[in-house]
Amino acid sequence: MTYLYIFLGGGLGSLARFGVGKGVGVLMQTNFPLGTLLSNILACAILALLVVGVNPQNEETSWVQPLLIVGFCGGFSTFSTFSNETFQLLDQGNTFFAILNILISVAVGIGLIFLIRSRA
């Protein structure tokens, strides 16, 4: 059953990431990969909230880890797209945006997890 939860969560997370990317693209025309950044930041926040809020030892919530934490958050966040978009920025000569993307993605992602987990 664990594999099914991961499969379903990953699919839903990937669809959510695609939707966020398309939605941001419709709302804002920019060279900066804002859709991927937003997806990754939201995935970090959701993951931290779940890790803090759900006891993995509780049998009633044992589905949360594979479905939401591994599956959904794993599908919703994307390191490969982040890496590719950062490379594209560098390849196009947008070094400032590439460095900004790296710094914001890492600092905000880790910072959110730190803030949420330290307040629990």
C-alpha atoms as a PDB file:
ATOM      1  CA  MET A   1       0.000   0.000   0.000  1.00  0.00           C
ATOM      2  CA  THR A   2       2.954   2.323   0.676  1.00  0.00           C
ATOM      3  CA  TYR A   3       3.975   2.280  -2.995  1.00  0.00           C
ATOM      4  CA  LEU A   4       0.442   3.176  -4.054  1.00  0.00           C
ATOM      5  CA  TYR A   5       0.403   6.139  -1.657  1.00  0.00           C
ATOM      6  CA  ILE A   6       3.747   7.379  -3.011  1.00  0.00           C
ATOM      7  CA  PHE A   7       2.538   6.900  -6.590  1.00  0.00           C
ATOM      8  CA  LEU A   8      -0.703   8.816  -6.006  1.00  0.00           C
ATOM      9  CA  GLY A   9       0.956  11.578  -3.983  1.00  0.00           C
ATOM     10  CA  GLY A  10       3.738  12.015  -6.528  1.00  0.00           C
ATOM     11  CA  GLY A  11       1.247  12.284  -9.368  1.00  0.00           C
ATOM     12  CA  LEU A  12      -0.865  14.837  -7.514  1.00  0.00           C
ATOM     13  CA  GLY A  13       2.220  16.824  -6.549  1.00  0.00           C
ATOM     14  CA  SER A  14       3.457  16.854 -10.148  1.00  0.00           C
ATOM     15  CA  LEU A  15       0.068  18.054 -11.373  1.00  0.00           C
ATOM     16  CA  ALA A  16       0.054  20.767  -8.712  1.00  0.00           C
ATOM     17  CA  ARG A  17       3.557  21.864  -9.759  1.00  0.00           C
ATOM     18  CA  PHE A  18       2.479  21.996 -13.408  1.00  0.00           C
ATOM     19  CA  GLY A  19      -0.585  24.054 -12.440  1.00  0.00           C
ATOM     20  CA  VAL A  20       1.444  26.512 -10.371  1.00  0.00           C
ATOM     21  CA  GLY A  21       3.955  26.906 -13.196  1.00  0.00           C
ATOM     22  CA  LYS A  22       1.253  27.535 -15.776  1.00  0.00           C
ATOM     23  CA  GLY A  23      -0.668  29.858 -13.448  1.00  0.00           C
ATOM     24  CA  VAL A  24       2.365  31.971 -12.664  1.00  0.00           C
ATOM     25  CA  GLY A  25       3.243  32.054 -16.363  1.00  0.00           C
ATOM     26  CA  VAL A  26      -0.207  33.427 -17.206  1.00  0.00           C
ATOM     27  CA  LEU A  27      -0.082  36.041 -14.452  1.00  0.00           C
ATOM     28  CA  MET A  28       3.491  37.203 -14.932  1.00  0.00           C
ATOM     29  CA  GLN A  29       5.793  37.313 -17.920  1.00  0.00           C
ATOM     30  CA  THR A  30       9.338  37.157 -16.613  1.00  0.00           C
ATOM     31  CA  ASN A  31      12.695  35.577 -17.380  1.00  0.00           C
ATOM     32  CA  PHE A  32      12.924  34.518 -13.744  1.00  0.00           C
ATOM     33  CA  PRO A  33      11.662  30.955 -13.046  1.00  0.00           C
ATOM     34  CA  LEU A  34       9.040  32.121 -10.552  1.00  0.00           C
ATOM     35  CA  GLY A  35       6.713  29.115 -10.973  1.00  0.00           C
ATOM     36  CA  THR A  36       9.405  26.628  -9.996  1.00  0.00           C
ATOM     37  CA  LEU A  37      10.563  28.831  -7.129  1.00  0.00           C
ATOM     38  CA  LEU A  38       7.005  29.116  -5.789  1.00  0.00           C
ATOM     39  CA  SER A  39       6.402  25.364  -6.094  1.00  0.00           C
ATOM     40  CA  ASN A  40       9.637  24.547  -4.276  1.00  0.00           C
ATOM     41  CA  ILE A  41       8.950  27.046  -1.489  1.00  0.00           C
ATOM     42  CA  LEU A  42       5.381  25.818  -1.010  1.00  0.00           C
ATOM     43  CA  ALA A  43       6.614  22.204  -0.983  1.00  0.00           C
ATOM     44  CA  CYS A  44       9.122  23.055   1.753  1.00  0.00           C
ATOM     45  CA  ALA A  45       6.437  24.768   3.840  1.00  0.00           C
ATOM     46  CA  ILE A  46       3.960  21.897   3.406  1.00  0.00           C
ATOM     47  CA  LEU A  47       6.634  19.328   4.233  1.00  0.00           C
ATOM     48  CA  ALA A  48       7.686  21.170   7.388  1.00  0.00           C
ATOM     49  CA  LEU A  49       4.073  21.547   8.547  1.00  0.00           C
ATOM     50  CA  LEU A  50       3.443  17.847   8.001  1.00  0.00           C
ATOM     51  CA  VAL A  51       6.642  16.767   9.735  1.00  0.00           C
ATOM     52  CA  VAL A  52       5.752  18.927  12.730  1.00  0.00           C
ATOM     53  CA  GLY A  53       2.050  18.127  12.783  1.00  0.00           C
ATOM     54  CA  VAL A  54       1.933  14.394  12.153  1.00  0.00           C
ATOM     55  CA  ASN A  55       3.281  11.734  14.475  1.00  0.00           C
ATOM     56  CA  PRO A  56       4.814   8.988  12.301  1.00  0.00           C
ATOM     57  CA  GLN A  57       4.294   6.454  15.102  1.00  0.00           C
ATOM     58  CA  ASN A  58       0.509   6.925  15.004  1.00  0.00           C
ATOM     59  CA  GLU A  59      -1.088   4.052  13.071  1.00  0.00           C
ATOM     60  CA  GLU A  60      -4.052   6.238  12.025  1.00  0.00           C
ATOM     61  CA  THR A  61      -1.784   8.701  10.201  1.00  0.00           C
ATOM     62  CA  SER A  62       0.805   6.242   8.849  1.00  0.00           C
ATOM     63  CA  TRP A  63      -0.382   7.064   5.302  1.00  0.00           C
ATOM     64  CA  VAL A  64       0.755  10.705   5.609  1.00  0.00           C
ATOM     65  CA  GLN A  65       4.476   9.963   5.235  1.00  0.00           C
ATOM     66  CA  PRO A  66       4.274   8.081   1.922  1.00  0.00           C
ATOM     67  CA  LEU A  67       1.333   9.978   0.400  1.00  0.00           C
ATOM     68  CA  LEU A  68       2.030  13.571   1.354  1.00  0.00           C
ATOM     69  CA  ILE A  69       5.613  13.926   2.559  1.00  0.00           C
ATOM     70  CA  VAL A  70       7.370  11.588   0.116  1.00  0.00           C
ATOM     71  CA  GLY A  71       4.828  11.551  -2.725  1.00  0.00           C
ATOM     72  CA  PHE A  72       3.128  14.935  -2.885  1.00  0.00           C
ATOM     73  CA  CYS A  73       6.004  17.099  -1.657  1.00  0.00           C
ATOM     74  CA  GLY A  74       8.459  15.115  -3.769  1.00  0.00           C
ATOM     75  CA  GLY A  75       6.338  15.611  -6.875  1.00  0.00           C
ATOM     76  CA  PHE A  76       5.482  19.214  -6.088  1.00  0.00           C
ATOM     77  CA  SER A  77       9.091  20.291  -5.609  1.00  0.00           C
ATOM     78  CA  THR A  78      11.627  19.853  -8.356  1.00  0.00           C
ATOM     79  CA  PHE A  79      15.379  20.063  -8.128  1.00  0.00           C
ATOM     80  CA  SER A  80      15.914  18.994 -11.725  1.00  0.00           C
ATOM     81  CA  THR A  81      13.755  21.792 -13.157  1.00  0.00           C
ATOM     82  CA  PHE A  82      15.364  24.286 -10.768  1.00  0.00           C
ATOM     83  CA  SER A  83      18.799  23.157 -11.995  1.00  0.00           C
ATOM     84  CA  ASN A  84      17.837  23.283 -15.657  1.00  0.00           C
ATOM     85  CA  GLU A  85      16.231  26.724 -15.395  1.00  0.00           C
ATOM     86  CA  THR A  86      19.250  28.046 -13.519  1.00  0.00           C
ATOM     87  CA  PHE A  87      21.520  26.645 -16.240  1.00  0.00           C
ATOM     88  CA  GLN A  88      19.344  28.294 -18.899  1.00  0.00           C
ATOM     89  CA  LEU A  89      19.659  31.627 -17.121  1.00  0.00           C
ATOM     90  CA  LEU A  90      23.441  31.245 -17.101  1.00  0.00           C
ATOM     91  CA  ASP A  91      23.466  30.125 -20.733  1.00  0.00           C
ATOM     92  CA  GLN A  92      21.459  33.224 -21.721  1.00  0.00           C
ATOM     93  CA  GLY A  93      23.863  35.510 -19.867  1.00  0.00           C
ATOM     94  CA  ASN A  94      21.447  36.228 -16.997  1.00  0.00           C
ATOM     95  CA  THR A  95      24.051  35.536 -14.332  1.00  0.00           C
ATOM     96  CA  PHE A  96      22.411  37.855 -11.805  1.00  0.00           C
ATOM     97  CA  PHE A  97      19.050  36.053 -12.063  1.00  0.00           C
ATOM     98  CA  ALA A  98      20.777  32.650 -11.940  1.00  0.00           C
ATOM     99  CA  ILE A  99      22.603  33.514  -8.713  1.00  0.00           C
ATOM    100  CA  LEU A 100      19.461  35.130  -7.298  1.00  0.00           C
ATOM    101  CA  ASN A 101      17.473  31.985  -8.093  1.00  0.00           C
ATOM    102  CA  ILE A 102      20.014  29.785  -6.314  1.00  0.00           C
ATOM    103  CA  LEU A 103      20.237  32.025  -3.258  1.00  0.00           C
ATOM    104  CA  ILE A 104      16.496  32.565  -2.870  1.00  0.00           C
ATOM    105  CA  SER A 105      15.614  28.915  -3.483  1.00  0.00           C
ATOM    106  CA  VAL A 106      18.071  27.527  -0.965  1.00  0.00           C
ATOM    107  CA  ALA A 107      17.763  30.249   1.689  1.00  0.00           C
ATOM    108  CA  VAL A 108      13.980  30.471   1.654  1.00  0.00           C
ATOM    109  CA  GLY A 109      13.456  26.700   1.397  1.00  0.00           C
ATOM    110  CA  ILE A 110      15.739  25.845   4.297  1.00  0.00           C
ATOM    111  CA  GLY A 111      14.671  28.970   6.192  1.00  0.00           C
ATOM    112  CA  LEU A 112      10.986  28.022   6.017  1.00  0.00           C
ATOM    113  CA  ILE A 113      11.656  24.515   7.255  1.00  0.00           C
ATOM    114  CA  PHE A 114      13.819  25.907  10.053  1.00  0.00           C
ATOM    115  CA  LEU A 115      11.195  28.481  11.111  1.00  0.00           C
ATOM    116  CA  ILE A 116       8.274  26.062  11.051  1.00  0.00           C
ATOM    117  CA  ARG A 117      10.102  23.242  12.821  1.00  0.00           C
ATOM    118  CA  SER A 118      11.695  25.493  15.439  1.00  0.00           C
ATOM    119  CA  ARG A 119       8.297  26.966  16.409  1.00  0.00           C
ATOM    120  CA  ALA A 120       6.767  23.555  17.013  1.00  0.00           C
END
